[in-house]
Amino acid sequence: MLTKILYFFAFLSFLSSSPSHAQDEPGTGRVTVFSEDGANFTLYLNGESKNTTPTTRVVVENVTEVPVSFRIVFENGSIPQLTKNGIRQGKDCLYVVHKNKKGQYALKAGGCSDGEPETEGFVQSGTQPTKPIVGTTISAPGQLSATYKEDIISINDGRQLTVKKVRVNGLTYPRIIFTALTGATISVKYDNGIESYSAESPMQYEVKDFKNNNAYFTLTVDEGGPAKTWYVKLKNNNGFDLKIE
């Protein structure tokens, strides 16, 4: 009889504890891994490769697992790979690849959130206007990212910047002119690794090496920390300034 009573109370305890446990589950969400110093890497999340080409940022959607395991394999083979286990404590989680005090690469949690409520349209903050995507529902992302296509930079929070090629005197080196997003830190780094530049927007930069008159570069925009940093790949053309507004 005593045994039956003990089983009964154990069952009641299970029922009372289960709902609160379920409420702690973050549900399906997003995991973003970002390289603080721009080191390219491949992300293995729970043993599965999430990007085919090494990059500085990987965003994984529809993550259902709560315990997550990371393996970071760097494009630079001299950097040891990283492994780390973590727990998702929100729907939108950021993890940062950085150098610790010993100068070694490590992975740290950048924070988790349940995301902001969805809003109709988009209102741009600051003094520089950008173009909203009309007629769509946009939720605030935990990690900014961007794509470039047909002279438009599209940021994943709904903003769009226009890239204009303006013909200039062919005797001058091409310039990069960035007038949007006043106060953001704009960095330019050419693929050859020799020429780079960084300044606060609005900024203007003239190519120094003639080899880069027709060359690809990475434009990185820091709007306030790793979660608000995005980048795109662009190209100079001899005889044209590149205006981003």
C-alpha atoms as a PDB file:
ATOM      1  CA  MET A   1       0.000   0.000   0.000  1.00  0.00           C
ATOM      2  CA  LEU A   2       2.817   2.387   0.904  1.00  0.00           C
ATOM      3  CA  THR A   3       4.490   1.663  -2.418  1.00  0.00           C
ATOM      4  CA  LYS A   4       1.330   2.610  -4.354  1.00  0.00           C
ATOM      5  CA  ILE A   5       1.052   5.891  -2.432  1.00  0.00           C
ATOM      6  CA  LEU A   6       4.665   6.756  -3.216  1.00  0.00           C
ATOM      7  CA  TYR A   7       4.128   6.038  -6.944  1.00  0.00           C
ATOM      8  CA  PHE A   8       0.993   8.207  -6.889  1.00  0.00           C
ATOM      9  CA  PHE A   9       2.812  11.228  -5.423  1.00  0.00           C
ATOM     10  CA  ALA A  10       5.734  10.724  -7.790  1.00  0.00           C
ATOM     11  CA  PHE A  11       3.306  10.794 -10.732  1.00  0.00           C
ATOM     12  CA  LEU A  12       1.691  14.023  -9.469  1.00  0.00           C
ATOM     13  CA  SER A  13       5.137  15.572  -9.094  1.00  0.00           C
ATOM     14  CA  PHE A  14       5.961  14.674 -12.703  1.00  0.00           C
ATOM     15  CA  LEU A  15       2.735  16.256 -13.980  1.00  0.00           C
ATOM     16  CA  SER A  16       3.308  19.470 -12.066  1.00  0.00           C
ATOM     17  CA  SER A  17       6.922  19.810 -13.199  1.00  0.00           C
ATOM     18  CA  SER A  18       6.445  18.992 -16.878  1.00  0.00           C
ATOM     19  CA  PRO A  19       4.608  22.194 -17.968  1.00  0.00           C
ATOM     20  CA  SER A  20       7.188  24.504 -16.386  1.00  0.00           C
ATOM     21  CA  HIS A  21       9.955  22.548 -18.104  1.00  0.00           C
ATOM     22  CA  ALA A  22       8.185  22.866 -21.443  1.00  0.00           C
ATOM     23  CA  GLN A  23       7.939  26.631 -20.952  1.00  0.00           C
ATOM     24  CA  ASP A  24      11.720  26.798 -20.632  1.00  0.00           C
ATOM     25  CA  GLU A  25      12.164  25.345 -24.115  1.00  0.00           C
ATOM     26  CA  PRO A  26      13.019  28.160 -26.561  1.00  0.00           C
ATOM     27  CA  GLY A  27      11.457  26.364 -29.528  1.00  0.00           C
ATOM     28  CA  THR A  28      12.700  26.497 -33.116  1.00  0.00           C
ATOM     29  CA  GLY A  29      15.112  29.372 -33.655  1.00  0.00           C
ATOM     30  CA  ARG A  30      18.278  30.764 -35.197  1.00  0.00           C
ATOM     31  CA  VAL A  31      21.954  30.320 -34.325  1.00  0.00           C
ATOM     32  CA  THR A  32      24.473  32.854 -35.644  1.00  0.00           C
ATOM     33  CA  VAL A  33      28.246  32.453 -35.401  1.00  0.00           C
ATOM     34  CA  PHE A  34      30.309  35.558 -36.178  1.00  0.00           C
ATOM     35  CA  SER A  35      34.080  36.013 -36.532  1.00  0.00           C
ATOM     36  CA  GLU A  36      35.125  39.140 -34.655  1.00  0.00           C
ATOM     37  CA  ASP A  37      38.360  39.738 -36.582  1.00  0.00           C
ATOM     38  CA  GLY A  38      37.179  38.522 -39.992  1.00  0.00           C
ATOM     39  CA  ALA A  39      38.744  35.035 -39.967  1.00  0.00           C
ATOM     40  CA  ASN A  40      36.936  32.739 -42.428  1.00  0.00           C
ATOM     41  CA  PHE A  41      35.635  29.448 -41.056  1.00  0.00           C
ATOM     42  CA  THR A  42      33.327  26.499 -41.652  1.00  0.00           C
ATOM     43  CA  LEU A  43      30.722  25.792 -38.980  1.00  0.00           C
ATOM     44  CA  TYR A  44      29.696  22.295 -37.926  1.00  0.00           C
ATOM     45  CA  LEU A  45      26.589  22.520 -35.730  1.00  0.00           C
ATOM     46  CA  ASN A  46      25.683  19.292 -33.954  1.00  0.00           C
ATOM     47  CA  GLY A  47      28.022  17.476 -36.329  1.00  0.00           C
ATOM     48  CA  GLU A  48      26.535  18.885 -39.557  1.00  0.00           C
ATOM     49  CA  SER A  49      28.345  21.303 -41.877  1.00  0.00           C
ATOM     50  CA  LYS A  50      26.363  24.542 -42.289  1.00  0.00           C
ATOM     51  CA  ASN A  51      28.329  26.388 -44.984  1.00  0.00           C
ATOM     52  CA  THR A  52      30.025  25.086 -48.120  1.00  0.00           C
ATOM     53  CA  THR A  53      32.455  28.008 -48.448  1.00  0.00           C
ATOM     54  CA  PRO A  54      34.443  29.414 -45.496  1.00  0.00           C
ATOM     55  CA  THR A  55      33.089  32.802 -44.412  1.00  0.00           C
ATOM     56  CA  THR A  56      33.138  35.215 -41.457  1.00  0.00           C
ATOM     57  CA  ARG A  57      29.480  34.749 -40.515  1.00  0.00           C
ATOM     58  CA  VAL A  58      27.166  31.738 -40.592  1.00  0.00           C
ATOM     59  CA  VAL A  59      23.441  31.977 -39.817  1.00  0.00           C
ATOM     60  CA  VAL A  60      21.614  28.693 -39.173  1.00  0.00           C
ATOM     61  CA  GLU A  61      17.827  28.844 -39.322  1.00  0.00           C
ATOM     62  CA  ASN A  62      15.252  26.391 -37.945  1.00  0.00           C
ATOM     63  CA  VAL A  63      17.431  25.030 -35.135  1.00  0.00           C
ATOM     64  CA  THR A  64      15.304  22.733 -32.975  1.00  0.00           C
ATOM     65  CA  GLU A  65      17.942  21.301 -30.627  1.00  0.00           C
ATOM     66  CA  VAL A  66      18.398  23.013 -27.262  1.00  0.00           C
ATOM     67  CA  PRO A  67      21.839  21.579 -26.420  1.00  0.00           C
ATOM     68  CA  VAL A  68      24.080  22.556 -29.335  1.00  0.00           C
ATOM     69  CA  SER A  69      27.630  21.523 -30.143  1.00  0.00           C
ATOM     70  CA  PHE A  70      29.984  23.648 -32.236  1.00  0.00           C
ATOM     71  CA  ARG A  71      33.021  22.755 -34.280  1.00  0.00           C
ATOM     72  CA  ILE A  72      34.780  25.650 -36.009  1.00  0.00           C
ATOM     73  CA  VAL A  73      37.259  24.783 -38.775  1.00  0.00           C
ATOM     74  CA  PHE A  74      39.253  27.796 -39.997  1.00  0.00           C
ATOM     75  CA  GLU A  75      40.154  28.418 -43.620  1.00  0.00           C
ATOM     76  CA  ASN A  76      43.673  29.185 -42.367  1.00  0.00           C
ATOM     77  CA  GLY A  77      44.887  25.689 -41.571  1.00  0.00           C
ATOM     78  CA  SER A  78      47.441  26.977 -39.058  1.00  0.00           C
ATOM     79  CA  ILE A  79      44.634  27.986 -36.674  1.00  0.00           C
ATOM     80  CA  PRO A  80      43.502  25.074 -34.461  1.00  0.00           C
ATOM     81  CA  GLN A  81      39.834  24.166 -34.793  1.00  0.00           C
ATOM     82  CA  LEU A  82      37.437  25.008 -31.968  1.00  0.00           C
ATOM     83  CA  THR A  83      34.931  22.746 -30.244  1.00  0.00           C
ATOM     84  CA  LYS A  84      32.355  23.877 -27.704  1.00  0.00           C
ATOM     85  CA  ASN A  85      29.008  22.792 -26.275  1.00  0.00           C
ATOM     86  CA  GLY A  86      26.231  25.205 -25.382  1.00  0.00           C
ATOM     87  CA  ILE A  87      22.567  25.573 -24.457  1.00  0.00           C
ATOM     88  CA  ARG A  88      20.146  27.732 -26.451  1.00  0.00           C
ATOM     89  CA  GLN A  89      18.402  30.022 -23.960  1.00  0.00           C
ATOM     90  CA  GLY A  90      16.318  31.882 -26.518  1.00  0.00           C
ATOM     91  CA  LYS A  91      15.078  31.664 -30.099  1.00  0.00           C
ATOM     92  CA  ASP A  92      17.799  33.902 -31.517  1.00  0.00           C
ATOM     93  CA  CYS A  93      21.320  33.135 -30.256  1.00  0.00           C
ATOM     94  CA  LEU A  94      24.649  34.732 -31.195  1.00  0.00           C
ATOM     95  CA  TYR A  95      28.085  33.203 -30.667  1.00  0.00           C
ATOM     96  CA  VAL A  96      31.326  35.098 -31.344  1.00  0.00           C
ATOM     97  CA  VAL A  97      34.666  33.721 -32.523  1.00  0.00           C
ATOM     98  CA  HIS A  98      37.298  35.939 -30.880  1.00  0.00           C
ATOM     99  CA  LYS A  99      40.854  35.987 -29.572  1.00  0.00           C
ATOM    100  CA  ASN A 100      41.244  35.565 -25.830  1.00  0.00           C
ATOM    101  CA  LYS A 101      43.853  37.245 -23.624  1.00  0.00           C
ATOM    102  CA  LYS A 102      46.411  34.628 -24.692  1.00  0.00           C
ATOM    103  CA  GLY A 103      45.876  35.490 -28.358  1.00  0.00           C
ATOM    104  CA  GLN A 104      44.158  32.163 -29.016  1.00  0.00           C
ATOM    105  CA  TYR A 105      40.859  31.776 -30.842  1.00  0.00           C
ATOM    106  CA  ALA A 106      37.872  30.916 -28.658  1.00  0.00           C
ATOM    107  CA  LEU A 107      34.084  30.809 -28.958  1.00  0.00           C
ATOM    108  CA  LYS A 108      31.961  32.836 -26.558  1.00  0.00           C
ATOM    109  CA  ALA A 109      28.206  33.308 -26.201  1.00  0.00           C
ATOM    110  CA  GLY A 110      27.045  36.722 -27.387  1.00  0.00           C
ATOM    111  CA  GLY A 111      23.574  36.379 -25.899  1.00  0.00           C
ATOM    112  CA  CYS A 112      20.155  34.948 -26.725  1.00  0.00           C
ATOM    113  CA  SER A 113      16.770  36.595 -27.118  1.00  0.00           C
ATOM    114  CA  ASP A 114      13.250  35.644 -28.087  1.00  0.00           C
ATOM    115  CA  GLY A 115      13.230  38.269 -30.847  1.00  0.00           C
ATOM    116  CA  GLU A 116      11.199  41.419 -31.265  1.00  0.00           C
ATOM    117  CA  PRO A 117       7.504  41.422 -32.255  1.00  0.00           C
ATOM    118  CA  GLU A 118       6.898  41.525 -35.967  1.00  0.00           C
ATOM    119  CA  THR A 119       6.016  44.938 -37.357  1.00  0.00           C
ATOM    120  CA  GLU A 120       4.503  45.964 -40.648  1.00  0.00           C
ATOM    121  CA  GLY A 121       6.924  47.845 -42.871  1.00  0.00           C
ATOM    122  CA  PHE A 122      10.108  49.448 -41.553  1.00  0.00           C
ATOM    123  CA  VAL A 123      11.097  52.755 -39.970  1.00  0.00           C
ATOM    124  CA  GLN A 124      14.711  53.785 -40.486  1.00  0.00           C
ATOM    125  CA  SER A 125      16.511  55.290 -37.504  1.00  0.00           C
ATOM    126  CA  GLY A 126      19.118  57.999 -37.909  1.00  0.00           C
ATOM    127  CA  THR A 127      19.365  60.770 -40.461  1.00  0.00           C
ATOM    128  CA  GLN A 128      20.177  58.836 -43.614  1.00  0.00           C
ATOM    129  CA  PRO A 129      17.159  57.426 -45.497  1.00  0.00           C
ATOM    130  CA  THR A 130      17.114  53.923 -46.889  1.00  0.00           C
ATOM    131  CA  LYS A 131      14.453  52.092 -48.833  1.00  0.00           C
ATOM    132  CA  PRO A 132      11.917  49.875 -47.030  1.00  0.00           C
ATOM    133  CA  ILE A 133      10.554  46.725 -48.581  1.00  0.00           C
ATOM    134  CA  VAL A 134       6.898  47.638 -49.013  1.00  0.00           C
ATOM    135  CA  GLY A 135       4.091  45.185 -48.322  1.00  0.00           C
ATOM    136  CA  THR A 136       6.121  42.644 -46.353  1.00  0.00           C
ATOM    137  CA  THR A 137       6.288  41.742 -42.698  1.00  0.00           C
ATOM    138  CA  ILE A 138       9.751  42.201 -41.229  1.00  0.00           C
ATOM    139  CA  SER A 139      10.984  40.988 -37.852  1.00  0.00           C
ATOM    140  CA  ALA A 140      14.037  42.441 -36.165  1.00  0.00           C
ATOM    141  CA  PRO A 141      16.977  40.049 -36.759  1.00  0.00           C
ATOM    142  CA  GLY A 142      19.400  39.112 -34.019  1.00  0.00           C
ATOM    143  CA  GLN A 143      22.330  39.328 -36.455  1.00  0.00           C
ATOM    144  CA  LEU A 144      22.539  41.745 -39.375  1.00  0.00           C
ATOM    145  CA  SER A 145      23.614  40.365 -42.746  1.00  0.00           C
ATOM    146  CA  ALA A 146      23.425  41.663 -46.301  1.00  0.00           C
ATOM    147  CA  THR A 147      23.421  40.612 -49.945  1.00  0.00           C
ATOM    148  CA  TYR A 148      24.347  42.525 -53.105  1.00  0.00           C
ATOM    149  CA  LYS A 149      22.523  42.144 -56.408  1.00  0.00           C
ATOM    150  CA  GLU A 150      21.785  44.443 -59.350  1.00  0.00           C
ATOM    151  CA  ASP A 151      23.222  47.570 -57.711  1.00  0.00           C
ATOM    152  CA  ILE A 152      21.232  47.079 -54.489  1.00  0.00           C
ATOM    153  CA  ILE A 153      22.551  46.109 -51.059  1.00  0.00           C
ATOM    154  CA  SER A 154      19.707  44.398 -49.180  1.00  0.00           C
ATOM    155  CA  ILE A 155      20.070  44.184 -45.386  1.00  0.00           C
ATOM    156  CA  ASN A 156      18.111  41.454 -43.634  1.00  0.00           C
ATOM    157  CA  ASP A 157      16.147  43.957 -41.503  1.00  0.00           C
ATOM    158  CA  GLY A 158      14.433  45.330 -44.606  1.00  0.00           C
ATOM    159  CA  ARG A 159      16.702  48.243 -45.506  1.00  0.00           C
ATOM    160  CA  GLN A 160      18.215  48.714 -48.936  1.00  0.00           C
ATOM    161  CA  LEU A 161      21.177  50.813 -50.052  1.00  0.00           C
ATOM    162  CA  THR A 162      21.791  51.879 -53.642  1.00  0.00           C
ATOM    163  CA  VAL A 163      25.200  51.340 -55.263  1.00  0.00           C
ATOM    164  CA  LYS A 164      25.851  53.762 -58.138  1.00  0.00           C
ATOM    165  CA  LYS A 165      28.718  53.679 -60.616  1.00  0.00           C
ATOM    166  CA  VAL A 166      29.557  57.280 -61.517  1.00  0.00           C
ATOM    167  CA  ARG A 167      31.861  57.914 -64.485  1.00  0.00           C
ATOM    168  CA  VAL A 168      34.866  60.110 -63.675  1.00  0.00           C
ATOM    169  CA  ASN A 169      38.095  61.261 -65.288  1.00  0.00           C
ATOM    170  CA  GLY A 170      39.955  58.119 -66.366  1.00  0.00           C
ATOM    171  CA  LEU A 171      43.228  59.630 -65.162  1.00  0.00           C
ATOM    172  CA  THR A 172      42.162  59.390 -61.510  1.00  0.00           C
ATOM    173  CA  TYR A 173      41.935  56.255 -59.425  1.00  0.00           C
ATOM    174  CA  PRO A 174      38.379  55.146 -58.578  1.00  0.00           C
ATOM    175  CA  ARG A 175      36.868  56.155 -55.255  1.00  0.00           C
ATOM    176  CA  ILE A 176      34.490  54.500 -52.808  1.00  0.00           C
ATOM    177  CA  ILE A 177      31.994  57.021 -51.453  1.00  0.00           C
ATOM    178  CA  PHE A 178      29.724  55.878 -48.617  1.00  0.00           C
ATOM    179  CA  THR A 179      27.140  58.457 -47.484  1.00  0.00           C
ATOM    180  CA  ALA A 180      24.484  56.255 -45.805  1.00  0.00           C
ATOM    181  CA  LEU A 181      24.193  55.250 -42.138  1.00  0.00           C
ATOM    182  CA  THR A 182      25.903  58.252 -40.558  1.00  0.00           C
ATOM    183  CA  GLY A 183      28.150  57.244 -37.655  1.00  0.00           C
ATOM    184  CA  ALA A 184      28.652  53.613 -38.721  1.00  0.00           C
ATOM    185  CA  THR A 185      32.237  52.349 -39.108  1.00  0.00           C
ATOM    186  CA  ILE A 186      32.968  51.496 -42.748  1.00  0.00           C
ATOM    187  CA  SER A 187      35.871  49.192 -43.604  1.00  0.00           C
ATOM    188  CA  VAL A 188      37.260  48.414 -47.050  1.00  0.00           C
ATOM    189  CA  LYS A 189      39.593  45.450 -47.595  1.00  0.00           C
ATOM    190  CA  TYR A 190      40.806  44.327 -51.013  1.00  0.00           C
ATOM    191  CA  ASP A 191      41.112  40.647 -51.841  1.00  0.00           C
ATOM    192  CA  ASN A 192      44.869  40.886 -52.321  1.00  0.00           C
ATOM    193  CA  GLY A 193      45.161  41.686 -48.624  1.00  0.00           C
ATOM    194  CA  ILE A 194      47.494  44.614 -49.242  1.00  0.00           C
ATOM    195  CA  GLU A 195      45.128  47.591 -49.297  1.00  0.00           C
ATOM    196  CA  SER A 196      42.547  48.369 -46.617  1.00  0.00           C
ATOM    197  CA  TYR A 197      40.874  51.389 -45.054  1.00  0.00           C
ATOM    198  CA  SER A 198      38.421  52.177 -42.253  1.00  0.00           C
ATOM    199  CA  ALA A 199      36.538  55.360 -41.327  1.00  0.00           C
ATOM    200  CA  GLU A 200      33.244  56.610 -39.955  1.00  0.00           C
ATOM    201  CA  SER A 201      30.388  57.289 -42.387  1.00  0.00           C
ATOM    202  CA  PRO A 202      30.103  59.462 -44.378  1.00  0.00           C
ATOM    203  CA  MET A 203      33.459  58.518 -45.856  1.00  0.00           C
ATOM    204  CA  GLN A 204      35.378  58.693 -49.120  1.00  0.00           C
ATOM    205  CA  TYR A 205      38.331  56.541 -50.109  1.00  0.00           C
ATOM    206  CA  GLU A 206      40.481  56.681 -53.241  1.00  0.00           C
ATOM    207  CA  VAL A 207      42.189  53.489 -54.401  1.00  0.00           C
ATOM    208  CA  LYS A 208      45.947  53.682 -53.815  1.00  0.00           C
ATOM    209  CA  ASP A 209      47.246  50.690 -55.791  1.00  0.00           C
ATOM    210  CA  PHE A 210      46.530  50.749 -59.534  1.00  0.00           C
ATOM    211  CA  LYS A 211      46.202  46.954 -59.404  1.00  0.00           C
ATOM    212  CA  ASN A 212      42.984  47.511 -57.463  1.00  0.00           C
ATOM    213  CA  ASN A 213      41.414  49.776 -60.100  1.00  0.00           C
ATOM    214  CA  ASN A 214      39.459  46.711 -61.252  1.00  0.00           C
ATOM    215  CA  ALA A 215      39.443  44.526 -58.171  1.00  0.00           C
ATOM    216  CA  TYR A 216      37.079  42.968 -55.680  1.00  0.00           C
ATOM    217  CA  PHE A 217      36.943  44.181 -52.094  1.00  0.00           C
ATOM    218  CA  THR A 218      34.917  43.433 -48.973  1.00  0.00           C
ATOM    219  CA  LEU A 219      32.868  46.286 -47.587  1.00  0.00           C
ATOM    220  CA  THR A 220      32.158  45.797 -43.868  1.00  0.00           C
ATOM    221  CA  VAL A 221      29.700  48.038 -42.017  1.00  0.00           C
ATOM    222  CA  ASP A 222      29.699  48.092 -38.209  1.00  0.00           C
ATOM    223  CA  GLU A 223      26.519  49.771 -36.951  1.00  0.00           C
ATOM    224  CA  GLY A 224      27.227  49.059 -33.287  1.00  0.00           C
ATOM    225  CA  GLY A 225      28.952  45.780 -32.433  1.00  0.00           C
ATOM    226  CA  PRO A 226      29.203  42.227 -33.825  1.00  0.00           C
ATOM    227  CA  ALA A 227      25.432  41.612 -33.987  1.00  0.00           C
ATOM    228  CA  LYS A 228      24.997  44.838 -35.951  1.00  0.00           C
ATOM    229  CA  THR A 229      27.860  44.258 -38.381  1.00  0.00           C
ATOM    230  CA  TRP A 230      27.324  43.127 -41.972  1.00  0.00           C
ATOM    231  CA  TYR A 231      29.404  42.881 -45.124  1.00  0.00           C
ATOM    232  CA  VAL A 232      29.143  42.508 -48.903  1.00  0.00           C
ATOM    233  CA  LYS A 233      31.574  41.858 -51.743  1.00  0.00           C
ATOM    234  CA  LEU A 234      31.852  44.683 -54.313  1.00  0.00           C
ATOM    235  CA  LYS A 235      34.143  45.550 -57.231  1.00  0.00           C
ATOM    236  CA  ASN A 236      35.914  48.673 -58.433  1.00  0.00           C
ATOM    237  CA  ASN A 237      35.844  49.612 -62.101  1.00  0.00           C
ATOM    238  CA  ASN A 238      38.498  51.823 -63.663  1.00  0.00           C
ATOM    239  CA  GLY A 239      37.052  55.232 -64.567  1.00  0.00           C
ATOM    240  CA  PHE A 240      34.085  54.942 -62.152  1.00  0.00           C
ATOM    241  CA  ASP A 241      33.475  56.022 -58.592  1.00  0.00           C
ATOM    242  CA  LEU A 242      31.334  53.719 -56.474  1.00  0.00           C
ATOM    243  CA  LYS A 243      28.706  55.683 -54.524  1.00  0.00           C
ATOM    244  CA  ILE A 244      26.755  53.876 -51.797  1.00  0.00           C
ATOM    245  CA  GLU A 245      23.773  55.811 -50.493  1.00  0.00           C
END
